[in-house]
Amino acid sequence: MKSQPITIKDIARILGISPSTVSRALKDHPDISPKTKQLVQTFAEKVNYRPNALALSLRSSKTNTIGIVIPEIVHHFFSTVISGIEDVAYGRGYNAIICQTNENYQREVIDLQALVDNRVDGILISMSKNTHEFAHFENLKENGVPVVFFDRICEQISSDRVIADDFEGARIATRHLIDKGCKKIMHLAAPQHLLIGKNRKEGYCSALKEHKLSCDDRLIVKCDTRETVFARADDIIRLAPEVDGIFAVNDSTAIAAMQVLQRNGYSIPKDIAVVGFGDGPNANIAYPPLTTVEQKGYDIGQAAMRLLIGHIENNVEEEEYETKIFTPELVERASSQLGTEY
């Protein structure tokens, strides 16, 4: 049977002093003698006393807990964001509750309500790709819960935002393919209602136009997961004879596309050069190793947490919002060396 945690009243009863004396001794109050403080603090440490977090939060109206809502915890980018968030959070005395939506709108709604019910001080959100209604985000604001969006932001909600420059990252990736000699580049794209999908497609088209190459809608394939690459393998293979480069919206899509092409007799990068987006661990062990764009997830997480703390601790005005943008960097590997046998 699980033992009950020891309380201030228990310590007071055992030591034969009042609960208020114990409470003040634990807080190092000047009215309590050094001898009594030593007695109480030594005993509290011996019995592993821990303050009741719920009681403290009810008194202070603050739980020192923040919520994190992400689409996928196994995704390399989101795991690095969480590392950045937690390093700042724990350094400032906050704990984190992490919720994973699995790209499910209903689960996102439920997760946010659970965090509100648990009285978190603020929430960091990267929204699901299947979220098209935003009342649950509005409800957070109406309930006075500070919110910061990162990566996948909701344009309809006024809030702090921390993002990678997806437009510039896509432009860097596409320019790289052009510099390697590619003239017909396919884009494996994310849903366009997501700002990251829209911006990465626009960055791809911008780089093509800069080099007087056409942005052909036929070469833009809605395909942003490993599963959808295999589901649309026939479309990719049908277009493959026309293209000499692929810019994929993320690494898992890029790697899956390489596998589909290789199984159908294409050599990467001799026949078709490939660039991804994200620079997760799989990029370096893919065959051939994947050229990609690094998103600075850890920095994004740190920045998002600092903005949230600013609102929680009232260091910024309630309606004073900021957008922080991080510029991605190209990480060049073998997959983009067009014409090279690997």
C-alpha atoms as a PDB file:
ATOM      1  CA  MET A   1       0.000   0.000   0.000  1.00  0.00           C
ATOM      2  CA  LYS A   2       1.346   3.416  -0.985  1.00  0.00           C
ATOM      3  CA  SER A   3       2.299   5.564   2.033  1.00  0.00           C
ATOM      4  CA  GLN A   4       0.865   9.063   2.345  1.00  0.00           C
ATOM      5  CA  PRO A   5       3.331  11.958   1.945  1.00  0.00           C
ATOM      6  CA  ILE A   6       4.325  13.598   5.192  1.00  0.00           C
ATOM      7  CA  THR A   7       2.733  16.998   5.882  1.00  0.00           C
ATOM      8  CA  ILE A   8       3.585  20.090   7.911  1.00  0.00           C
ATOM      9  CA  LYS A   9       1.026  18.937  10.503  1.00  0.00           C
ATOM     10  CA  ASP A  10       2.821  15.584  10.809  1.00  0.00           C
ATOM     11  CA  ILE A  11       6.178  17.296  11.379  1.00  0.00           C
ATOM     12  CA  ALA A  12       4.604  19.633  13.954  1.00  0.00           C
ATOM     13  CA  ARG A  13       3.011  16.720  15.843  1.00  0.00           C
ATOM     14  CA  ILE A  14       6.240  14.686  15.909  1.00  0.00           C
ATOM     15  CA  LEU A  15       8.425  17.629  16.982  1.00  0.00           C
ATOM     16  CA  GLY A  16       5.859  18.970  19.461  1.00  0.00           C
ATOM     17  CA  ILE A  17       5.598  22.460  17.921  1.00  0.00           C
ATOM     18  CA  SER A  18       2.873  24.311  16.064  1.00  0.00           C
ATOM     19  CA  PRO A  19       2.261  23.869  12.289  1.00  0.00           C
ATOM     20  CA  SER A  20       2.763  27.631  11.801  1.00  0.00           C
ATOM     21  CA  THR A  21       6.215  27.395  13.422  1.00  0.00           C
ATOM     22  CA  VAL A  22       7.137  24.498  11.128  1.00  0.00           C
ATOM     23  CA  SER A  23       5.903  26.440   8.084  1.00  0.00           C
ATOM     24  CA  ARG A  24       7.885  29.547   8.977  1.00  0.00           C
ATOM     25  CA  ALA A  25      11.010  27.520   9.854  1.00  0.00           C
ATOM     26  CA  LEU A  26      10.920  25.859   6.429  1.00  0.00           C
ATOM     27  CA  LYS A  27      10.692  29.320   4.845  1.00  0.00           C
ATOM     28  CA  ASP A  28      13.666  30.546   6.912  1.00  0.00           C
ATOM     29  CA  HIS A  29      11.494  33.203   8.573  1.00  0.00           C
ATOM     30  CA  PRO A  30      13.518  35.644  10.782  1.00  0.00           C
ATOM     31  CA  ASP A  31      11.096  35.282  13.723  1.00  0.00           C
ATOM     32  CA  ILE A  32      12.088  31.628  14.192  1.00  0.00           C
ATOM     33  CA  SER A  33      15.247  30.865  16.183  1.00  0.00           C
ATOM     34  CA  PRO A  34      18.234  29.306  14.377  1.00  0.00           C
ATOM     35  CA  LYS A  35      17.985  26.254  16.653  1.00  0.00           C
ATOM     36  CA  THR A  36      14.329  25.603  15.718  1.00  0.00           C
ATOM     37  CA  LYS A  37      15.023  26.221  12.031  1.00  0.00           C
ATOM     38  CA  GLN A  38      17.857  23.686  12.133  1.00  0.00           C
ATOM     39  CA  LEU A  39      15.672  21.138  13.930  1.00  0.00           C
ATOM     40  CA  VAL A  40      12.755  21.483  11.500  1.00  0.00           C
ATOM     41  CA  GLN A  41      14.815  21.635   8.313  1.00  0.00           C
ATOM     42  CA  THR A  42      16.985  18.654   9.283  1.00  0.00           C
ATOM     43  CA  PHE A  43      13.932  16.568  10.184  1.00  0.00           C
ATOM     44  CA  ALA A  44      12.088  17.610   6.990  1.00  0.00           C
ATOM     45  CA  GLU A  45      15.062  16.493   4.907  1.00  0.00           C
ATOM     46  CA  LYS A  46      15.289  13.206   6.810  1.00  0.00           C
ATOM     47  CA  VAL A  47      11.633  12.306   6.164  1.00  0.00           C
ATOM     48  CA  ASN A  48      11.810  13.574   2.550  1.00  0.00           C
ATOM     49  CA  TYR A  49       9.174  16.266   3.080  1.00  0.00           C
ATOM     50  CA  ARG A  50       7.962  17.969  -0.106  1.00  0.00           C
ATOM     51  CA  PRO A  51       5.614  20.977  -0.203  1.00  0.00           C
ATOM     52  CA  ASN A  52       2.128  20.232  -1.527  1.00  0.00           C
ATOM     53  CA  ALA A  53       2.235  21.647  -5.045  1.00  0.00           C
ATOM     54  CA  LEU A  54      -1.546  21.933  -5.317  1.00  0.00           C
ATOM     55  CA  ALA A  55      -1.861  23.796  -2.023  1.00  0.00           C
ATOM     56  CA  LEU A  56       0.925  26.161  -3.004  1.00  0.00           C
ATOM     57  CA  SER A  57      -0.668  26.842  -6.369  1.00  0.00           C
ATOM     58  CA  LEU A  58      -4.053  27.555  -4.811  1.00  0.00           C
ATOM     59  CA  ARG A  59      -2.439  30.124  -2.541  1.00  0.00           C
ATOM     60  CA  SER A  60      -0.365  31.741  -5.266  1.00  0.00           C
ATOM     61  CA  SER A  61      -2.734  31.235  -8.258  1.00  0.00           C
ATOM     62  CA  LYS A  62       0.342  29.866 -10.052  1.00  0.00           C
ATOM     63  CA  THR A  63       1.317  26.244 -10.649  1.00  0.00           C
ATOM     64  CA  ASN A  64       4.769  26.772 -12.199  1.00  0.00           C
ATOM     65  CA  THR A  65       3.684  24.293 -14.859  1.00  0.00           C
ATOM     66  CA  ILE A  66       3.456  24.885 -18.594  1.00  0.00           C
ATOM     67  CA  GLY A  67       1.791  22.788 -21.291  1.00  0.00           C
ATOM     68  CA  ILE A  68       3.403  21.789 -24.598  1.00  0.00           C
ATOM     69  CA  VAL A  69       1.139  20.602 -27.434  1.00  0.00           C
ATOM     70  CA  ILE A  70       2.879  19.068 -30.456  1.00  0.00           C
ATOM     71  CA  PRO A  71       1.822  16.900 -33.412  1.00  0.00           C
ATOM     72  CA  GLU A  72       4.458  14.154 -32.947  1.00  0.00           C
ATOM     73  CA  ILE A  73       6.893  13.560 -30.130  1.00  0.00           C
ATOM     74  CA  VAL A  74       9.007  11.134 -32.216  1.00  0.00           C
ATOM     75  CA  HIS A  75       9.681  13.758 -34.888  1.00  0.00           C
ATOM     76  CA  HIS A  76      13.302  14.955 -34.619  1.00  0.00           C
ATOM     77  CA  PHE A  77      12.387  18.621 -34.997  1.00  0.00           C
ATOM     78  CA  PHE A  78       9.799  18.534 -32.198  1.00  0.00           C
ATOM     79  CA  SER A  79      12.099  16.578 -29.893  1.00  0.00           C
ATOM     80  CA  THR A  80      14.786  19.251 -30.309  1.00  0.00           C
ATOM     81  CA  VAL A  81      12.207  21.994 -29.687  1.00  0.00           C
ATOM     82  CA  ILE A  82      11.155  20.242 -26.463  1.00  0.00           C
ATOM     83  CA  SER A  83      14.803  20.091 -25.347  1.00  0.00           C
ATOM     84  CA  GLY A  84      15.101  23.853 -25.833  1.00  0.00           C
ATOM     85  CA  ILE A  85      11.831  24.507 -24.013  1.00  0.00           C
ATOM     86  CA  GLU A  86      12.695  22.307 -21.042  1.00  0.00           C
ATOM     87  CA  ASP A  87      16.200  23.709 -20.595  1.00  0.00           C
ATOM     88  CA  VAL A  88      14.763  27.210 -20.202  1.00  0.00           C
ATOM     89  CA  ALA A  89      11.688  26.064 -18.240  1.00  0.00           C
ATOM     90  CA  TYR A  90      13.546  24.066 -15.599  1.00  0.00           C
ATOM     91  CA  GLY A  91      16.145  26.785 -15.261  1.00  0.00           C
ATOM     92  CA  ARG A  92      13.338  29.195 -14.341  1.00  0.00           C
ATOM     93  CA  GLY A  93      11.521  26.815 -11.979  1.00  0.00           C
ATOM     94  CA  TYR A  94       8.808  25.535 -14.333  1.00  0.00           C
ATOM     95  CA  ASN A  95       7.756  21.957 -15.033  1.00  0.00           C
ATOM     96  CA  ALA A  96       6.321  20.834 -18.377  1.00  0.00           C
ATOM     97  CA  ILE A  97       3.390  18.633 -19.371  1.00  0.00           C
ATOM     98  CA  ILE A  98       3.771  17.355 -22.955  1.00  0.00           C
ATOM     99  CA  CYS A  99       0.732  16.411 -25.053  1.00  0.00           C
ATOM    100  CA  GLN A 100       0.904  14.738 -28.478  1.00  0.00           C
ATOM    101  CA  THR A 101      -2.015  15.236 -30.882  1.00  0.00           C
ATOM    102  CA  ASN A 102      -0.923  12.750 -33.567  1.00  0.00           C
ATOM    103  CA  GLU A 103      -2.212  15.276 -36.135  1.00  0.00           C
ATOM    104  CA  ASN A 104      -5.733  14.857 -34.751  1.00  0.00           C
ATOM    105  CA  TYR A 105      -7.906  17.970 -34.314  1.00  0.00           C
ATOM    106  CA  GLN A 106     -10.235  16.425 -31.710  1.00  0.00           C
ATOM    107  CA  ARG A 107      -7.301  15.237 -29.650  1.00  0.00           C
ATOM    108  CA  GLU A 108      -5.812  18.737 -29.825  1.00  0.00           C
ATOM    109  CA  VAL A 109      -9.053  20.161 -28.404  1.00  0.00           C
ATOM    110  CA  ILE A 110      -9.094  17.552 -25.612  1.00  0.00           C
ATOM    111  CA  ASP A 111      -5.418  18.071 -24.771  1.00  0.00           C
ATOM    112  CA  LEU A 112      -5.805  21.839 -24.478  1.00  0.00           C
ATOM    113  CA  GLN A 113      -8.836  21.470 -22.211  1.00  0.00           C
ATOM    114  CA  ALA A 114      -6.938  18.997 -20.018  1.00  0.00           C
ATOM    115  CA  LEU A 115      -4.081  21.480 -19.650  1.00  0.00           C
ATOM    116  CA  VAL A 116      -6.513  24.268 -18.712  1.00  0.00           C
ATOM    117  CA  ASP A 117      -8.218  21.940 -16.192  1.00  0.00           C
ATOM    118  CA  ASN A 118      -4.798  21.269 -14.666  1.00  0.00           C
ATOM    119  CA  ARG A 119      -4.302  25.021 -14.302  1.00  0.00           C
ATOM    120  CA  VAL A 120      -1.078  25.363 -16.310  1.00  0.00           C
ATOM    121  CA  ASP A 121       0.392  28.851 -16.288  1.00  0.00           C
ATOM    122  CA  GLY A 122       0.767  28.963 -20.074  1.00  0.00           C
ATOM    123  CA  ILE A 123       0.806  26.808 -23.210  1.00  0.00           C
ATOM    124  CA  LEU A 124       3.192  26.356 -26.143  1.00  0.00           C
ATOM    125  CA  ILE A 125       1.468  25.016 -29.276  1.00  0.00           C
ATOM    126  CA  SER A 126       2.390  23.659 -32.692  1.00  0.00           C
ATOM    127  CA  MET A 127      -0.973  22.930 -34.235  1.00  0.00           C
ATOM    128  CA  SER A 128      -2.171  19.780 -35.962  1.00  0.00           C
ATOM    129  CA  LYS A 129      -2.177  19.717 -39.768  1.00  0.00           C
ATOM    130  CA  ASN A 130      -5.857  18.706 -39.563  1.00  0.00           C
ATOM    131  CA  THR A 131      -6.917  21.761 -37.555  1.00  0.00           C
ATOM    132  CA  HIS A 132      -9.242  24.005 -39.562  1.00  0.00           C
ATOM    133  CA  GLU A 133     -11.312  25.472 -36.699  1.00  0.00           C
ATOM    134  CA  PHE A 134      -9.807  27.645 -34.004  1.00  0.00           C
ATOM    135  CA  ALA A 135     -12.414  28.137 -31.256  1.00  0.00           C
ATOM    136  CA  HIS A 136     -10.299  26.092 -28.818  1.00  0.00           C
ATOM    137  CA  PHE A 137      -7.434  28.559 -29.274  1.00  0.00           C
ATOM    138  CA  GLU A 138      -9.792  31.510 -28.746  1.00  0.00           C
ATOM    139  CA  ASN A 139     -11.046  29.857 -25.541  1.00  0.00           C
ATOM    140  CA  LEU A 140      -7.522  29.866 -24.138  1.00  0.00           C
ATOM    141  CA  LYS A 141      -7.274  33.618 -24.620  1.00  0.00           C
ATOM    142  CA  GLU A 142     -10.739  34.170 -23.153  1.00  0.00           C
ATOM    143  CA  ASN A 143      -9.652  32.188 -20.079  1.00  0.00           C
ATOM    144  CA  GLY A 144      -6.531  34.331 -19.712  1.00  0.00           C
ATOM    145  CA  VAL A 145      -4.086  31.516 -20.519  1.00  0.00           C
ATOM    146  CA  PRO A 146      -0.904  32.877 -22.157  1.00  0.00           C
ATOM    147  CA  VAL A 147      -0.164  31.119 -25.466  1.00  0.00           C
ATOM    148  CA  VAL A 148       2.860  31.025 -27.763  1.00  0.00           C
ATOM    149  CA  PHE A 149       2.678  29.254 -31.137  1.00  0.00           C
ATOM    150  CA  PHE A 150       5.787  27.720 -32.688  1.00  0.00           C
ATOM    151  CA  ASP A 151       6.495  26.158 -36.090  1.00  0.00           C
ATOM    152  CA  ARG A 152       2.867  25.568 -37.127  1.00  0.00           C
ATOM    153  CA  ILE A 153       1.176  28.781 -36.130  1.00  0.00           C
ATOM    154  CA  CYS A 154      -2.470  29.879 -36.276  1.00  0.00           C
ATOM    155  CA  GLU A 155      -2.674  33.100 -38.292  1.00  0.00           C
ATOM    156  CA  GLN A 156      -6.216  33.763 -37.010  1.00  0.00           C
ATOM    157  CA  ILE A 157      -5.049  34.110 -33.389  1.00  0.00           C
ATOM    158  CA  SER A 158      -3.079  37.123 -32.124  1.00  0.00           C
ATOM    159  CA  SER A 159      -0.171  35.692 -30.147  1.00  0.00           C
ATOM    160  CA  ASP A 160       3.579  35.418 -29.846  1.00  0.00           C
ATOM    161  CA  ARG A 161       5.064  33.215 -32.574  1.00  0.00           C
ATOM    162  CA  VAL A 162       8.400  31.502 -33.057  1.00  0.00           C
ATOM    163  CA  ILE A 163       9.111  30.060 -36.487  1.00  0.00           C
ATOM    164  CA  ALA A 164      11.791  29.042 -38.919  1.00  0.00           C
ATOM    165  CA  ASP A 165      11.931  31.130 -42.093  1.00  0.00           C
ATOM    166  CA  ASP A 166      10.342  28.389 -44.194  1.00  0.00           C
ATOM    167  CA  PHE A 167      10.222  30.558 -47.318  1.00  0.00           C
ATOM    168  CA  GLU A 168      13.956  31.290 -47.149  1.00  0.00           C
ATOM    169  CA  GLY A 169      14.808  27.709 -46.198  1.00  0.00           C
ATOM    170  CA  ALA A 170      12.946  26.393 -49.256  1.00  0.00           C
ATOM    171  CA  ARG A 171      14.584  29.006 -51.458  1.00  0.00           C
ATOM    172  CA  ILE A 172      18.042  28.010 -50.159  1.00  0.00           C
ATOM    173  CA  ALA A 173      17.294  24.328 -50.855  1.00  0.00           C
ATOM    174  CA  THR A 174      15.963  24.950 -54.362  1.00  0.00           C
ATOM    175  CA  ARG A 175      18.788  27.339 -55.269  1.00  0.00           C
ATOM    176  CA  HIS A 176      21.242  24.636 -54.210  1.00  0.00           C
ATOM    177  CA  LEU A 177      19.650  22.149 -56.615  1.00  0.00           C
ATOM    178  CA  ILE A 178      19.787  24.731 -59.411  1.00  0.00           C
ATOM    179  CA  ASP A 179      23.447  25.462 -58.632  1.00  0.00           C
ATOM    180  CA  LYS A 180      24.111  21.719 -58.977  1.00  0.00           C
ATOM    181  CA  GLY A 181      22.659  21.790 -62.500  1.00  0.00           C
ATOM    182  CA  CYS A 182      18.988  20.887 -61.942  1.00  0.00           C
ATOM    183  CA  LYS A 183      16.498  22.515 -64.311  1.00  0.00           C
ATOM    184  CA  LYS A 184      13.287  20.539 -63.697  1.00  0.00           C
ATOM    185  CA  ILE A 185      12.664  20.246 -59.958  1.00  0.00           C
ATOM    186  CA  MET A 186       9.753  18.406 -58.377  1.00  0.00           C
ATOM    187  CA  HIS A 187       8.370  19.619 -55.050  1.00  0.00           C
ATOM    188  CA  LEU A 188       6.833  17.188 -52.561  1.00  0.00           C
ATOM    189  CA  ALA A 189       4.568  19.603 -50.691  1.00  0.00           C
ATOM    190  CA  ALA A 190       2.739  19.885 -47.366  1.00  0.00           C
ATOM    191  CA  PRO A 191      -0.947  20.932 -47.115  1.00  0.00           C
ATOM    192  CA  GLN A 192      -1.276  24.555 -48.203  1.00  0.00           C
ATOM    193  CA  HIS A 193      -3.573  25.628 -45.341  1.00  0.00           C
ATOM    194  CA  LEU A 194      -0.515  25.215 -43.106  1.00  0.00           C
ATOM    195  CA  LEU A 195       1.728  28.266 -43.253  1.00  0.00           C
ATOM    196  CA  ILE A 196       4.834  26.074 -43.360  1.00  0.00           C
ATOM    197  CA  GLY A 197       3.475  24.230 -46.413  1.00  0.00           C
ATOM    198  CA  LYS A 198       2.508  27.447 -48.153  1.00  0.00           C
ATOM    199  CA  ASN A 199       5.811  29.203 -47.405  1.00  0.00           C
ATOM    200  CA  ARG A 200       7.997  26.276 -48.426  1.00  0.00           C
ATOM    201  CA  LYS A 201       6.166  25.969 -51.735  1.00  0.00           C
ATOM    202  CA  GLU A 202       6.439  29.719 -52.346  1.00  0.00           C
ATOM    203  CA  GLY A 203      10.170  29.672 -51.523  1.00  0.00           C
ATOM    204  CA  TYR A 204      10.629  26.839 -54.032  1.00  0.00           C
ATOM    205  CA  CYS A 205       8.740  28.759 -56.738  1.00  0.00           C
ATOM    206  CA  SER A 206      10.636  31.972 -55.950  1.00  0.00           C
ATOM    207  CA  ALA A 207      14.026  30.291 -56.474  1.00  0.00           C
ATOM    208  CA  LEU A 208      12.867  28.843 -59.793  1.00  0.00           C
ATOM    209  CA  LYS A 209      11.618  32.209 -61.032  1.00  0.00           C
ATOM    210  CA  GLU A 210      14.847  33.935 -59.964  1.00  0.00           C
ATOM    211  CA  HIS A 211      16.662  31.593 -62.344  1.00  0.00           C
ATOM    212  CA  LYS A 212      14.034  31.967 -65.075  1.00  0.00           C
ATOM    213  CA  LEU A 213      12.779  28.406 -64.599  1.00  0.00           C
ATOM    214  CA  SER A 214       9.064  27.646 -64.639  1.00  0.00           C
ATOM    215  CA  CYS A 215       7.147  26.741 -61.476  1.00  0.00           C
ATOM    216  CA  ASP A 216       5.104  23.923 -63.013  1.00  0.00           C
ATOM    217  CA  ASP A 217       2.042  22.898 -60.975  1.00  0.00           C
ATOM    218  CA  ARG A 218       2.324  19.400 -62.423  1.00  0.00           C
ATOM    219  CA  LEU A 219       5.610  18.960 -60.590  1.00  0.00           C
ATOM    220  CA  ILE A 220       4.123  19.928 -57.201  1.00  0.00           C
ATOM    221  CA  VAL A 221       2.886  16.740 -55.545  1.00  0.00           C
ATOM    222  CA  LYS A 222       0.950  16.939 -52.263  1.00  0.00           C
ATOM    223  CA  CYS A 223       2.952  14.423 -50.322  1.00  0.00           C
ATOM    224  CA  ASP A 224       4.400  15.190 -46.874  1.00  0.00           C
ATOM    225  CA  THR A 225       4.787  11.856 -45.071  1.00  0.00           C
ATOM    226  CA  ARG A 226       6.584   8.614 -45.742  1.00  0.00           C
ATOM    227  CA  GLU A 227       3.216   6.878 -46.083  1.00  0.00           C
ATOM    228  CA  THR A 228       1.874   9.311 -48.681  1.00  0.00           C
ATOM    229  CA  VAL A 229       5.070   8.969 -50.735  1.00  0.00           C
ATOM    230  CA  PHE A 230       4.453   5.237 -51.072  1.00  0.00           C
ATOM    231  CA  ALA A 231       0.753   5.849 -51.711  1.00  0.00           C
ATOM    232  CA  ARG A 232       1.661   8.228 -54.552  1.00  0.00           C
ATOM    233  CA  ALA A 233       4.648   6.276 -55.837  1.00  0.00           C
ATOM    234  CA  ASP A 234       3.033   5.816 -59.268  1.00  0.00           C
ATOM    235  CA  ASP A 235       2.633   9.599 -59.666  1.00  0.00           C
ATOM    236  CA  ILE A 236       6.260  10.191 -58.672  1.00  0.00           C
ATOM    237  CA  ILE A 237       7.569   7.522 -61.067  1.00  0.00           C
ATOM    238  CA  ARG A 238       5.372   8.854 -63.886  1.00  0.00           C
ATOM    239  CA  LEU A 239       6.937  12.314 -63.480  1.00  0.00           C
ATOM    240  CA  ALA A 240      10.482  11.062 -62.814  1.00  0.00           C
ATOM    241  CA  PRO A 241      11.639  11.010 -66.480  1.00  0.00           C
ATOM    242  CA  GLU A 242      10.900  14.763 -66.675  1.00  0.00           C
ATOM    243  CA  VAL A 243      12.804  15.830 -63.546  1.00  0.00           C
ATOM    244  CA  ASP A 244      16.418  16.020 -62.444  1.00  0.00           C
ATOM    245  CA  GLY A 245      15.833  17.291 -58.906  1.00  0.00           C
ATOM    246  CA  ILE A 246      13.437  16.949 -55.969  1.00  0.00           C
ATOM    247  CA  PHE A 247      12.913  19.357 -53.090  1.00  0.00           C
ATOM    248  CA  ALA A 248      10.871  17.642 -50.370  1.00  0.00           C
ATOM    249  CA  VAL A 249       9.041  19.486 -47.596  1.00  0.00           C
ATOM    250  CA  ASN A 250      10.699  17.294 -44.943  1.00  0.00           C
ATOM    251  CA  ASP A 251      13.402  14.652 -44.600  1.00  0.00           C
ATOM    252  CA  SER A 252      11.186  11.597 -44.183  1.00  0.00           C
ATOM    253  CA  THR A 253       9.413  12.452 -47.439  1.00  0.00           C
ATOM    254  CA  ALA A 254      12.731  13.013 -49.223  1.00  0.00           C
ATOM    255  CA  ILE A 255      14.181   9.695 -48.035  1.00  0.00           C
ATOM    256  CA  ALA A 256      11.021   7.778 -48.965  1.00  0.00           C
ATOM    257  CA  ALA A 257      11.100   9.386 -52.439  1.00  0.00           C
ATOM    258  CA  MET A 258      14.723   8.285 -52.885  1.00  0.00           C
ATOM    259  CA  GLN A 259      13.742   4.725 -51.981  1.00  0.00           C
ATOM    260  CA  VAL A 260      10.837   4.722 -54.463  1.00  0.00           C
ATOM    261  CA  LEU A 261      13.076   6.033 -57.234  1.00  0.00           C
ATOM    262  CA  GLN A 262      15.903   3.601 -56.454  1.00  0.00           C
ATOM    263  CA  ARG A 263      13.504   0.643 -56.529  1.00  0.00           C
ATOM    264  CA  ASN A 264      12.458   1.753 -59.993  1.00  0.00           C
ATOM    265  CA  GLY A 265      15.935   1.917 -61.463  1.00  0.00           C
ATOM    266  CA  TYR A 266      16.907   5.539 -60.797  1.00  0.00           C
ATOM    267  CA  SER A 267      20.314   6.392 -59.340  1.00  0.00           C
ATOM    268  CA  ILE A 268      20.458   9.084 -56.653  1.00  0.00           C
ATOM    269  CA  PRO A 269      22.069  11.563 -57.229  1.00  0.00           C
ATOM    270  CA  LYS A 270      23.347  10.588 -60.687  1.00  0.00           C
ATOM    271  CA  ASP A 271      19.886  10.773 -62.310  1.00  0.00           C
ATOM    272  CA  ILE A 272      17.941  12.863 -59.815  1.00  0.00           C
ATOM    273  CA  ALA A 273      19.321  15.059 -57.005  1.00  0.00           C
ATOM    274  CA  VAL A 274      17.307  15.281 -53.765  1.00  0.00           C
ATOM    275  CA  VAL A 275      17.127  17.828 -50.922  1.00  0.00           C
ATOM    276  CA  GLY A 276      15.012  17.552 -47.759  1.00  0.00           C
ATOM    277  CA  PHE A 277      14.111  19.848 -44.870  1.00  0.00           C
ATOM    278  CA  GLY A 278      14.785  19.236 -41.157  1.00  0.00           C
ATOM    279  CA  ASP A 279      18.200  17.545 -40.745  1.00  0.00           C
ATOM    280  CA  GLY A 280      17.047  14.742 -38.463  1.00  0.00           C
ATOM    281  CA  PRO A 281      19.274  11.745 -37.594  1.00  0.00           C
ATOM    282  CA  ASN A 282      18.003   9.758 -40.599  1.00  0.00           C
ATOM    283  CA  ALA A 283      19.406  12.347 -43.011  1.00  0.00           C
ATOM    284  CA  ASN A 284      22.967  11.277 -42.261  1.00  0.00           C
ATOM    285  CA  ILE A 285      22.310   7.521 -42.512  1.00  0.00           C
ATOM    286  CA  ALA A 286      20.118   7.608 -45.632  1.00  0.00           C
ATOM    287  CA  TYR A 287      21.540   6.143 -48.850  1.00  0.00           C
ATOM    288  CA  PRO A 288      22.987   8.364 -50.132  1.00  0.00           C
ATOM    289  CA  PRO A 289      23.267  10.773 -47.159  1.00  0.00           C
ATOM    290  CA  LEU A 290      20.635  13.477 -47.552  1.00  0.00           C
ATOM    291  CA  THR A 291      21.334  17.129 -48.251  1.00  0.00           C
ATOM    292  CA  THR A 292      18.820  19.045 -46.153  1.00  0.00           C
ATOM    293  CA  VAL A 293      17.960  22.293 -44.376  1.00  0.00           C
ATOM    294  CA  GLU A 294      18.528  22.523 -40.615  1.00  0.00           C
ATOM    295  CA  GLN A 295      15.662  24.272 -38.761  1.00  0.00           C
ATOM    296  CA  LYS A 296      17.262  25.304 -35.438  1.00  0.00           C
ATOM    297  CA  GLY A 297      14.635  23.495 -33.357  1.00  0.00           C
ATOM    298  CA  TYR A 298      16.509  23.859 -30.056  1.00  0.00           C
ATOM    299  CA  ASP A 299      16.806  27.642 -30.516  1.00  0.00           C
ATOM    300  CA  ILE A 300      13.108  27.860 -31.443  1.00  0.00           C
ATOM    301  CA  GLY A 301      12.168  26.001 -28.244  1.00  0.00           C
ATOM    302  CA  GLN A 302      14.268  28.266 -26.050  1.00  0.00           C
ATOM    303  CA  ALA A 303      12.865  31.425 -27.662  1.00  0.00           C
ATOM    304  CA  ALA A 304       9.267  30.200 -27.359  1.00  0.00           C
ATOM    305  CA  MET A 305       9.668  29.419 -23.648  1.00  0.00           C
ATOM    306  CA  ARG A 306      11.249  32.799 -22.928  1.00  0.00           C
ATOM    307  CA  LEU A 307       8.350  34.584 -24.625  1.00  0.00           C
ATOM    308  CA  LEU A 308       5.842  32.527 -22.624  1.00  0.00           C
ATOM    309  CA  ILE A 309       7.595  33.297 -19.337  1.00  0.00           C
ATOM    310  CA  GLY A 310       7.428  37.004 -20.227  1.00  0.00           C
ATOM    311  CA  HIS A 311       3.624  36.807 -20.294  1.00  0.00           C
ATOM    312  CA  ILE A 312       3.306  34.480 -17.288  1.00  0.00           C
ATOM    313  CA  GLU A 313       5.441  36.717 -15.108  1.00  0.00           C
ATOM    314  CA  ASN A 314       3.893  39.908 -16.483  1.00  0.00           C
ATOM    315  CA  ASN A 315       7.158  41.196 -17.888  1.00  0.00           C
ATOM    316  CA  VAL A 316       5.383  42.225 -21.102  1.00  0.00           C
ATOM    317  CA  GLU A 317       2.018  43.807 -21.789  1.00  0.00           C
ATOM    318  CA  GLU A 318      -0.843  41.331 -22.247  1.00  0.00           C
ATOM    319  CA  GLU A 319      -1.534  42.347 -25.857  1.00  0.00           C
ATOM    320  CA  GLU A 320       2.110  42.997 -26.785  1.00  0.00           C
ATOM    321  CA  TYR A 321       3.049  40.217 -29.197  1.00  0.00           C
ATOM    322  CA  GLU A 322       6.280  39.335 -30.924  1.00  0.00           C
ATOM    323  CA  THR A 323       7.288  37.071 -33.820  1.00  0.00           C
ATOM    324  CA  LYS A 324      10.771  35.564 -33.755  1.00  0.00           C
ATOM    325  CA  ILE A 325      12.100  34.120 -37.011  1.00  0.00           C
ATOM    326  CA  PHE A 326      15.114  31.802 -37.337  1.00  0.00           C
ATOM    327  CA  THR A 327      16.839  31.391 -40.707  1.00  0.00           C
ATOM    328  CA  PRO A 328      17.554  27.731 -41.606  1.00  0.00           C
ATOM    329  CA  GLU A 329      20.943  26.611 -42.927  1.00  0.00           C
ATOM    330  CA  LEU A 330      21.793  24.186 -45.725  1.00  0.00           C
ATOM    331  CA  VAL A 331      23.595  20.988 -44.715  1.00  0.00           C
ATOM    332  CA  GLU A 332      25.154  19.610 -47.893  1.00  0.00           C
ATOM    333  CA  ARG A 333      25.630  15.862 -48.343  1.00  0.00           C
ATOM    334  CA  ALA A 334      25.825  13.416 -51.254  1.00  0.00           C
ATOM    335  CA  SER A 335      22.168  13.265 -52.340  1.00  0.00           C
ATOM    336  CA  SER A 336      22.273  16.595 -54.190  1.00  0.00           C
ATOM    337  CA  GLN A 337      25.428  16.038 -56.283  1.00  0.00           C
ATOM    338  CA  LEU A 338      23.619  15.679 -59.630  1.00  0.00           C
ATOM    339  CA  GLY A 339      25.422  13.471 -62.121  1.00  0.00           C
ATOM    340  CA  THR A 340      27.566  11.801 -59.474  1.00  0.00           C
ATOM    341  CA  GLU A 341      27.577   8.011 -59.032  1.00  0.00           C
ATOM    342  CA  TYR A 342      27.181   7.068 -55.373  1.00  0.00           C
END
